[in-house]
Amino acid sequence: MPLSTPVRPSSVSTAAAIANSNRKEPTGKGAKVCWIELKNYPYQPDHQVELLHLQAEADALLIKLQATEQKHLAQQAEAPLAP
């Protein structure tokens, strides 16, 4: 397994500071901008990628579970009550 190079915290925090200083408020009434914050994780880059993939998978499963629960509740509400 190849060794990965560690991320230098100073370069990450410098990049975050530059990104924050370059921010401008959106112009126009309906302008929408999605700002992505740089986060400094205490993990190596390959572990960060794996963690983010697992978080995304967990979020997707949670959304699927919530949709299934809503569908189940809707079916229960439609079913006539037994005498």
PDB file of N, CA and C in Angstrom:
ATOM      1  N   MET A   1       0.856  -1.174   0.000  1.00  0.00           N
ATOM      2  CA  MET A   1       0.000   0.000   0.000  1.00  0.00           C
ATOM      3  C   MET A   1       0.899   1.233   0.000  1.00  0.00           C
ATOM      4  N   PRO A   2       0.671   2.168  -0.921  1.00  0.00           N
ATOM      5  CA  PRO A   2       1.527   3.353  -0.971  1.00  0.00           C
ATOM      6  C   PRO A   2       1.270   4.263   0.225  1.00  0.00           C
ATOM      7  N   LEU A   3       2.328   4.875   0.659  1.00  0.00           N
ATOM      8  CA  LEU A   3       2.200   5.823   1.762  1.00  0.00           C
ATOM      9  C   LEU A   3       1.692   7.150   1.233  1.00  0.00           C
ATOM     10  N   SER A   4       0.790   7.748   1.947  1.00  0.00           N
ATOM     11  CA  SER A   4       0.274   9.048   1.520  1.00  0.00           C
ATOM     12  C   SER A   4       0.991  10.145   2.284  1.00  0.00           C
ATOM     13  N   THR A   5       1.102  11.284   1.656  1.00  0.00           N
ATOM     14  CA  THR A   5       1.776  12.404   2.299  1.00  0.00           C
ATOM     15  C   THR A   5       0.812  13.101   3.229  1.00  0.00           C
ATOM     16  N   PRO A   6       1.260  13.504   4.404  1.00  0.00           N
ATOM     17  CA  PRO A   6       0.367  14.172   5.350  1.00  0.00           C
ATOM     18  C   PRO A   6      -0.015  15.564   4.866  1.00  0.00           C
ATOM     19  N   VAL A   7      -1.199  15.971   5.253  1.00  0.00           N
ATOM     20  CA  VAL A   7      -1.672  17.311   4.921  1.00  0.00           C
ATOM     21  C   VAL A   7      -1.083  18.288   5.920  1.00  0.00           C
ATOM     22  N   ARG A   8      -0.559  19.373   5.428  1.00  0.00           N
ATOM     23  CA  ARG A   8      -0.017  20.392   6.316  1.00  0.00           C
ATOM     24  C   ARG A   8      -1.149  21.278   6.804  1.00  0.00           C
ATOM     25  N   PRO A   9      -1.391  21.317   8.109  1.00  0.00           N
ATOM     26  CA  PRO A   9      -2.487  22.133   8.635  1.00  0.00           C
ATOM     27  C   PRO A   9      -2.346  23.600   8.275  1.00  0.00           C
ATOM     28  N   SER A  10      -1.124  24.105   8.208  1.00  0.00           N
ATOM     29  CA  SER A  10      -0.951  25.524   7.913  1.00  0.00           C
ATOM     30  C   SER A  10      -1.411  25.846   6.503  1.00  0.00           C
ATOM     31  N   SER A  11      -1.153  24.942   5.538  1.00  0.00           N
ATOM     32  CA  SER A  11      -1.585  25.211   4.170  1.00  0.00           C
ATOM     33  C   SER A  11      -3.096  25.136   4.054  1.00  0.00           C
ATOM     34  N   VAL A  12      -3.726  24.229   4.800  1.00  0.00           N
ATOM     35  CA  VAL A  12      -5.182  24.123   4.764  1.00  0.00           C
ATOM     36  C   VAL A  12      -5.816  25.356   5.391  1.00  0.00           C
ATOM     37  N   SER A  13      -5.299  25.783   6.549  1.00  0.00           N
ATOM     38  CA  SER A  13      -5.880  26.951   7.202  1.00  0.00           C
ATOM     39  C   SER A  13      -5.627  28.215   6.393  1.00  0.00           C
ATOM     40  N   THR A  14      -4.483  28.286   5.707  1.00  0.00           N
ATOM     41  CA  THR A  14      -4.210  29.436   4.841  1.00  0.00           C
ATOM     42  C   THR A  14      -5.195  29.462   3.685  1.00  0.00           C
ATOM     43  N   ALA A  15      -5.449  28.303   3.091  1.00  0.00           N
ATOM     44  CA  ALA A  15      -6.406  28.232   1.990  1.00  0.00           C
ATOM     45  C   ALA A  15      -7.798  28.630   2.464  1.00  0.00           C
ATOM     46  N   ALA A  16      -8.165  28.209   3.664  1.00  0.00           N
ATOM     47  CA  ALA A  16      -9.475  28.573   4.210  1.00  0.00           C
ATOM     48  C   ALA A  16      -9.561  30.074   4.450  1.00  0.00           C
ATOM     49  N   ALA A  17      -8.482  30.671   4.938  1.00  0.00           N
ATOM     50  CA  ALA A  17      -8.473  32.114   5.180  1.00  0.00           C
ATOM     51  C   ALA A  17      -8.608  32.878   3.871  1.00  0.00           C
ATOM     52  N   ILE A  18      -7.927  32.408   2.831  1.00  0.00           N
ATOM     53  CA  ILE A  18      -8.020  33.065   1.525  1.00  0.00           C
ATOM     54  C   ILE A  18      -9.435  32.926   0.978  1.00  0.00           C
ATOM     55  N   ALA A  19     -10.011  31.735   1.098  1.00  0.00           N
ATOM     56  CA  ALA A  19     -11.373  31.524   0.604  1.00  0.00           C
ATOM     57  C   ALA A  19     -12.358  32.427   1.325  1.00  0.00           C
ATOM     58  N   ASN A  20     -12.201  32.575   2.640  1.00  0.00           N
ATOM     59  CA  ASN A  20     -13.103  33.431   3.408  1.00  0.00           C
ATOM     60  C   ASN A  20     -12.922  34.896   3.048  1.00  0.00           C
ATOM     61  N   SER A  21     -11.693  35.324   2.770  1.00  0.00           N
ATOM     62  CA  SER A  21     -11.455  36.729   2.460  1.00  0.00           C
ATOM     63  C   SER A  21     -11.958  37.091   1.069  1.00  0.00           C
ATOM     64  N   ASN A  22     -12.054  36.099   0.179  1.00  0.00           N
ATOM     65  CA  ASN A  22     -12.501  36.359  -1.188  1.00  0.00           C
ATOM     66  C   ASN A  22     -14.014  36.292  -1.339  1.00  0.00           C
ATOM     67  N   ARG A  23     -14.720  36.006  -0.292  1.00  0.00           N
ATOM     68  CA  ARG A  23     -16.180  35.907  -0.368  1.00  0.00           C
ATOM     69  C   ARG A  23     -16.812  37.264  -0.599  1.00  0.00           C
ATOM     70  N   LYS A  24     -17.812  37.242  -1.432  1.00  0.00           N
ATOM     71  CA  LYS A  24     -18.622  38.434  -1.657  1.00  0.00           C
ATOM     72  C   LYS A  24     -20.074  38.000  -1.570  1.00  0.00           C
ATOM     73  N   GLU A  25     -20.890  38.887  -1.102  1.00  0.00           N
ATOM     74  CA  GLU A  25     -22.312  38.587  -1.029  1.00  0.00           C
ATOM     75  C   GLU A  25     -22.865  38.502  -2.448  1.00  0.00           C
ATOM     76  N   PRO A  26     -23.800  37.593  -2.687  1.00  0.00           N
ATOM     77  CA  PRO A  26     -24.382  37.479  -4.016  1.00  0.00           C
ATOM     78  C   PRO A  26     -25.112  38.759  -4.403  1.00  0.00           C
ATOM     79  N   THR A  27     -24.982  39.110  -5.649  1.00  0.00           N
ATOM     80  CA  THR A  27     -25.674  40.294  -6.141  1.00  0.00           C
ATOM     81  C   THR A  27     -26.957  39.860  -6.824  1.00  0.00           C
ATOM     82  N   GLY A  28     -27.930  40.700  -6.794  1.00  0.00           N
ATOM     83  CA  GLY A  28     -29.201  40.381  -7.413  1.00  0.00           C
ATOM     84  C   GLY A  28     -30.152  39.770  -6.406  1.00  0.00           C
ATOM     85  N   LYS A  29     -31.429  39.920  -6.702  1.00  0.00           N
ATOM     86  CA  LYS A  29     -32.450  39.482  -5.758  1.00  0.00           C
ATOM     87  C   LYS A  29     -32.502  37.961  -5.608  1.00  0.00           C
ATOM     88  N   GLY A  30     -32.379  37.236  -6.708  1.00  0.00           N
ATOM     89  CA  GLY A  30     -32.515  35.785  -6.653  1.00  0.00           C
ATOM     90  C   GLY A  30     -31.201  35.041  -6.715  1.00  0.00           C
ATOM     91  N   ALA A  31     -30.090  35.720  -6.499  1.00  0.00           N
ATOM     92  CA  ALA A  31     -28.786  35.059  -6.606  1.00  0.00           C
ATOM     93  C   ALA A  31     -28.592  34.080  -5.455  1.00  0.00           C
ATOM     94  N   LYS A  32     -28.191  32.877  -5.814  1.00  0.00           N
ATOM     95  CA  LYS A  32     -27.917  31.863  -4.801  1.00  0.00           C
ATOM     96  C   LYS A  32     -26.511  31.332  -5.035  1.00  0.00           C
ATOM     97  N   VAL A  33     -25.761  31.245  -3.970  1.00  0.00           N
ATOM     98  CA  VAL A  33     -24.397  30.745  -4.063  1.00  0.00           C
ATOM     99  C   VAL A  33     -24.201  29.707  -2.969  1.00  0.00           C
ATOM    100  N   CYS A  34     -23.590  28.607  -3.315  1.00  0.00           N
ATOM    101  CA  CYS A  34     -23.283  27.564  -2.337  1.00  0.00           C
ATOM    102  C   CYS A  34     -21.802  27.659  -1.993  1.00  0.00           C
ATOM    103  N   TRP A  35     -21.502  28.027  -0.766  1.00  0.00           N
ATOM    104  CA  TRP A  35     -20.114  28.133  -0.326  1.00  0.00           C
ATOM    105  C   TRP A  35     -19.727  26.828   0.348  1.00  0.00           C
ATOM    106  N   ILE A  36     -18.619  26.290  -0.053  1.00  0.00           N
ATOM    107  CA  ILE A  36     -18.112  25.072   0.563  1.00  0.00           C
ATOM    108  C   ILE A  36     -16.961  25.453   1.471  1.00  0.00           C
ATOM    109  N   GLU A  37     -17.106  25.142   2.737  1.00  0.00           N
ATOM    110  CA  GLU A  37     -16.074  25.462   3.721  1.00  0.00           C
ATOM    111  C   GLU A  37     -14.980  24.405   3.681  1.00  0.00           C
ATOM    112  N   LEU A  38     -13.754  24.839   3.777  1.00  0.00           N
ATOM    113  CA  LEU A  38     -12.646  23.904   3.912  1.00  0.00           C
ATOM    114  C   LEU A  38     -12.560  23.484   5.367  1.00  0.00           C
ATOM    115  N   LYS A  39     -12.523  22.198   5.589  1.00  0.00           N
ATOM    116  CA  LYS A  39     -12.447  21.690   6.951  1.00  0.00           C
ATOM    117  C   LYS A  39     -11.099  21.016   7.144  1.00  0.00           C
ATOM    118  N   ASN A  40     -10.578  21.144   8.326  1.00  0.00           N
ATOM    119  CA  ASN A  40      -9.312  20.519   8.652  1.00  0.00           C
ATOM    120  C   ASN A  40      -9.591  19.273   9.483  1.00  0.00           C
ATOM    121  N   TYR A  41      -9.583  18.105   8.824  1.00  0.00           N
ATOM    122  CA  TYR A  41      -9.827  16.852   9.509  1.00  0.00           C
ATOM    123  C   TYR A  41      -8.512  16.298  10.052  1.00  0.00           C
ATOM    124  N   PRO A  42      -8.579  15.593  11.159  1.00  0.00           N
ATOM    125  CA  PRO A  42      -7.351  15.033  11.738  1.00  0.00           C
ATOM    126  C   PRO A  42      -6.940  13.708  11.093  1.00  0.00           C
ATOM    127  N   TYR A  43      -7.451  13.406   9.892  1.00  0.00           N
ATOM    128  CA  TYR A  43      -7.172  12.140   9.240  1.00  0.00           C
ATOM    129  C   TYR A  43      -6.316  12.349   8.001  1.00  0.00           C
ATOM    130  N   GLN A  44      -5.681  11.280   7.556  1.00  0.00           N
ATOM    131  CA  GLN A  44      -4.933  11.328   6.309  1.00  0.00           C
ATOM    132  C   GLN A  44      -5.931  11.449   5.162  1.00  0.00           C
ATOM    133  N   PRO A  45      -5.505  12.003   4.020  1.00  0.00           N
ATOM    134  CA  PRO A  45      -6.443  12.244   2.910  1.00  0.00           C
ATOM    135  C   PRO A  45      -7.221  11.007   2.465  1.00  0.00           C
ATOM    136  N   ASP A  46      -6.572   9.849   2.376  1.00  0.00           N
ATOM    137  CA  ASP A  46      -7.297   8.653   1.944  1.00  0.00           C
ATOM    138  C   ASP A  46      -8.354   8.235   2.967  1.00  0.00           C
ATOM    139  N   HIS A  47      -8.074   8.455   4.239  1.00  0.00           N
ATOM    140  CA  HIS A  47      -9.061   8.162   5.277  1.00  0.00           C
ATOM    141  C   HIS A  47     -10.185   9.191   5.258  1.00  0.00           C
ATOM    142  N   GLN A  48      -9.867  10.437   4.934  1.00  0.00           N
ATOM    143  CA  GLN A  48     -10.897  11.471   4.824  1.00  0.00           C
ATOM    144  C   GLN A  48     -11.875  11.116   3.723  1.00  0.00           C
ATOM    145  N   VAL A  49     -11.347  10.657   2.591  1.00  0.00           N
ATOM    146  CA  VAL A  49     -12.204  10.286   1.464  1.00  0.00           C
ATOM    147  C   VAL A  49     -13.136   9.150   1.870  1.00  0.00           C
ATOM    148  N   GLU A  50     -12.580   8.139   2.528  1.00  0.00           N
ATOM    149  CA  GLU A  50     -13.398   7.011   2.975  1.00  0.00           C
ATOM    150  C   GLU A  50     -14.464   7.473   3.965  1.00  0.00           C
ATOM    151  N   LEU A  51     -14.096   8.344   4.893  1.00  0.00           N
ATOM    152  CA  LEU A  51     -15.047   8.863   5.869  1.00  0.00           C
ATOM    153  C   LEU A  51     -16.172   9.629   5.180  1.00  0.00           C
ATOM    154  N   LEU A  52     -15.831  10.481   4.223  1.00  0.00           N
ATOM    155  CA  LEU A  52     -16.856  11.250   3.516  1.00  0.00           C
ATOM    156  C   LEU A  52     -17.784  10.335   2.724  1.00  0.00           C
ATOM    157  N   HIS A  53     -17.236   9.282   2.114  1.00  0.00           N
ATOM    158  CA  HIS A  53     -18.076   8.323   1.391  1.00  0.00           C
ATOM    159  C   HIS A  53     -19.031   7.613   2.351  1.00  0.00           C
ATOM    160  N   LEU A  54     -18.523   7.220   3.503  1.00  0.00           N
ATOM    161  CA  LEU A  54     -19.375   6.548   4.488  1.00  0.00           C
ATOM    162  C   LEU A  54     -20.449   7.484   5.031  1.00  0.00           C
ATOM    163  N   GLN A  55     -20.099   8.752   5.244  1.00  0.00           N
ATOM    164  CA  GLN A  55     -21.094   9.725   5.705  1.00  0.00           C
ATOM    165  C   GLN A  55     -22.173   9.926   4.653  1.00  0.00           C
ATOM    166  N   ALA A  56     -21.777   9.994   3.384  1.00  0.00           N
ATOM    167  CA  ALA A  56     -22.752  10.164   2.306  1.00  0.00           C
ATOM    168  C   ALA A  56     -23.665   8.944   2.210  1.00  0.00           C
ATOM    169  N   GLU A  57     -23.092   7.757   2.361  1.00  0.00           N
ATOM    170  CA  GLU A  57     -23.897   6.540   2.320  1.00  0.00           C
ATOM    171  C   GLU A  57     -24.874   6.492   3.493  1.00  0.00           C
ATOM    172  N   ALA A  58     -24.414   6.877   4.673  1.00  0.00           N
ATOM    173  CA  ALA A  58     -25.293   6.907   5.846  1.00  0.00           C
ATOM    174  C   ALA A  58     -26.422   7.915   5.644  1.00  0.00           C
ATOM    175  N   ASP A  59     -26.112   9.079   5.082  1.00  0.00           N
ATOM    176  CA  ASP A  59     -27.145  10.081   4.806  1.00  0.00           C
ATOM    177  C   ASP A  59     -28.171   9.546   3.814  1.00  0.00           C
ATOM    178  N   ALA A  60     -27.701   8.860   2.762  1.00  0.00           N
ATOM    179  CA  ALA A  60     -28.613   8.304   1.761  1.00  0.00           C
ATOM    180  C   ALA A  60     -29.521   7.249   2.383  1.00  0.00           C
ATOM    181  N   LEU A  61     -28.956   6.402   3.238  1.00  0.00           N
ATOM    182  CA  LEU A  61     -29.767   5.379   3.906  1.00  0.00           C
ATOM    183  C   LEU A  61     -30.781   5.995   4.860  1.00  0.00           C
ATOM    184  N   LEU A  62     -30.396   7.062   5.542  1.00  0.00           N
ATOM    185  CA  LEU A  62     -31.319   7.747   6.445  1.00  0.00           C
ATOM    186  C   LEU A  62     -32.478   8.360   5.666  1.00  0.00           C
ATOM    187  N   ILE A  63     -32.188   8.973   4.536  1.00  0.00           N
ATOM    188  CA  ILE A  63     -33.242   9.554   3.698  1.00  0.00           C
ATOM    189  C   ILE A  63     -34.179   8.459   3.201  1.00  0.00           C
ATOM    190  N   LYS A  64     -33.605   7.321   2.794  1.00  0.00           N
ATOM    191  CA  LYS A  64     -34.424   6.203   2.320  1.00  0.00           C
ATOM    192  C   LYS A  64     -35.317   5.677   3.445  1.00  0.00           C
ATOM    193  N   LEU A  65     -34.770   5.566   4.640  1.00  0.00           N
ATOM    194  CA  LEU A  65     -35.542   5.107   5.797  1.00  0.00           C
ATOM    195  C   LEU A  65     -36.678   6.072   6.118  1.00  0.00           C
ATOM    196  N   GLN A  66     -36.393   7.371   6.074  1.00  0.00           N
ATOM    197  CA  GLN A  66     -37.426   8.370   6.351  1.00  0.00           C
ATOM    198  C   GLN A  66     -38.529   8.316   5.300  1.00  0.00           C
ATOM    199  N   ALA A  67     -38.167   8.114   4.035  1.00  0.00           N
ATOM    200  CA  ALA A  67     -39.168   8.021   2.971  1.00  0.00           C
ATOM    201  C   ALA A  67     -40.038   6.781   3.159  1.00  0.00           C
ATOM    202  N   THR A  68     -39.413   5.674   3.542  1.00  0.00           N
ATOM    203  CA  THR A  68     -40.164   4.445   3.794  1.00  0.00           C
ATOM    204  C   THR A  68     -41.120   4.625   4.964  1.00  0.00           C
ATOM    205  N   GLU A  69     -40.655   5.300   6.004  1.00  0.00           N
ATOM    206  CA  GLU A  69     -41.504   5.550   7.170  1.00  0.00           C
ATOM    207  C   GLU A  69     -42.689   6.440   6.793  1.00  0.00           C
ATOM    208  N   GLN A  70     -42.446   7.483   6.004  1.00  0.00           N
ATOM    209  CA  GLN A  70     -43.535   8.359   5.573  1.00  0.00           C
ATOM    210  C   GLN A  70     -44.551   7.585   4.732  1.00  0.00           C
ATOM    211  N   LYS A  71     -44.050   6.714   3.848  1.00  0.00           N
ATOM    212  CA  LYS A  71     -44.942   5.912   3.014  1.00  0.00           C
ATOM    213  C   LYS A  71     -45.783   4.981   3.891  1.00  0.00           C
ATOM    214  N   HIS A  72     -45.158   4.373   4.872  1.00  0.00           N
ATOM    215  CA  HIS A  72     -45.865   3.471   5.792  1.00  0.00           C
ATOM    216  C   HIS A  72     -46.936   4.232   6.573  1.00  0.00           C
ATOM    217  N   LEU A  73     -46.604   5.420   7.061  1.00  0.00           N
ATOM    218  CA  LEU A  73     -47.580   6.224   7.802  1.00  0.00           C
ATOM    219  C   LEU A  73     -48.738   6.651   6.908  1.00  0.00           C
ATOM    220  N   ALA A  74     -48.446   6.970   5.650  1.00  0.00           N
ATOM    221  CA  ALA A  74     -49.500   7.364   4.718  1.00  0.00           C
ATOM    222  C   ALA A  74     -50.428   6.186   4.430  1.00  0.00           C
ATOM    223  N   GLN A  75     -49.859   4.988   4.301  1.00  0.00           N
ATOM    224  CA  GLN A  75     -50.686   3.804   4.065  1.00  0.00           C
ATOM    225  C   GLN A  75     -51.556   3.493   5.275  1.00  0.00           C
ATOM    226  N   GLN A  76     -51.024   3.696   6.468  1.00  0.00           N
ATOM    227  CA  GLN A  76     -51.814   3.463   7.680  1.00  0.00           C
ATOM    228  C   GLN A  76     -52.962   4.462   7.773  1.00  0.00           C
ATOM    229  N   ALA A  77     -52.720   5.696   7.371  1.00  0.00           N
ATOM    230  CA  ALA A  77     -53.760   6.722   7.434  1.00  0.00           C
ATOM    231  C   ALA A  77     -54.869   6.440   6.428  1.00  0.00           C
ATOM    232  N   GLU A  78     -54.523   5.841   5.281  1.00  0.00           N
ATOM    233  CA  GLU A  78     -55.519   5.544   4.254  1.00  0.00           C
ATOM    234  C   GLU A  78     -56.336   4.299   4.589  1.00  0.00           C
ATOM    235  N   ALA A  79     -55.768   3.383   5.335  1.00  0.00           N
ATOM    236  CA  ALA A  79     -56.453   2.125   5.654  1.00  0.00           C
ATOM    237  C   ALA A  79     -57.632   2.401   6.581  1.00  0.00           C
ATOM    238  N   PRO A  80     -58.783   1.796   6.283  1.00  0.00           N
ATOM    239  CA  PRO A  80     -59.940   1.993   7.172  1.00  0.00           C
ATOM    240  C   PRO A  80     -59.684   1.306   8.514  1.00  0.00           C
ATOM    241  N   LEU A  81     -60.206   1.905   9.543  1.00  0.00           N
ATOM    242  CA  LEU A  81     -60.046   1.344  10.877  1.00  0.00           C
ATOM    243  C   LEU A  81     -60.936   0.120  11.024  1.00  0.00           C
ATOM    244  N   ALA A  82     -60.409  -0.941  11.612  1.00  0.00           N
ATOM    245  CA  ALA A  82     -61.183  -2.172  11.817  1.00  0.00           C
ATOM    246  C   ALA A  82     -62.162  -1.962  12.971  1.00  0.00           C
ATOM    247  N   PRO A  83     -63.407  -2.476  12.829  1.00  0.00           N
ATOM    248  CA  PRO A  83     -64.406  -2.300  13.910  1.00  0.00           C
ATOM    249  C   PRO A  83     -64.117  -3.120  15.123  1.00  0.00           C
TER     250      PRO A  83
END
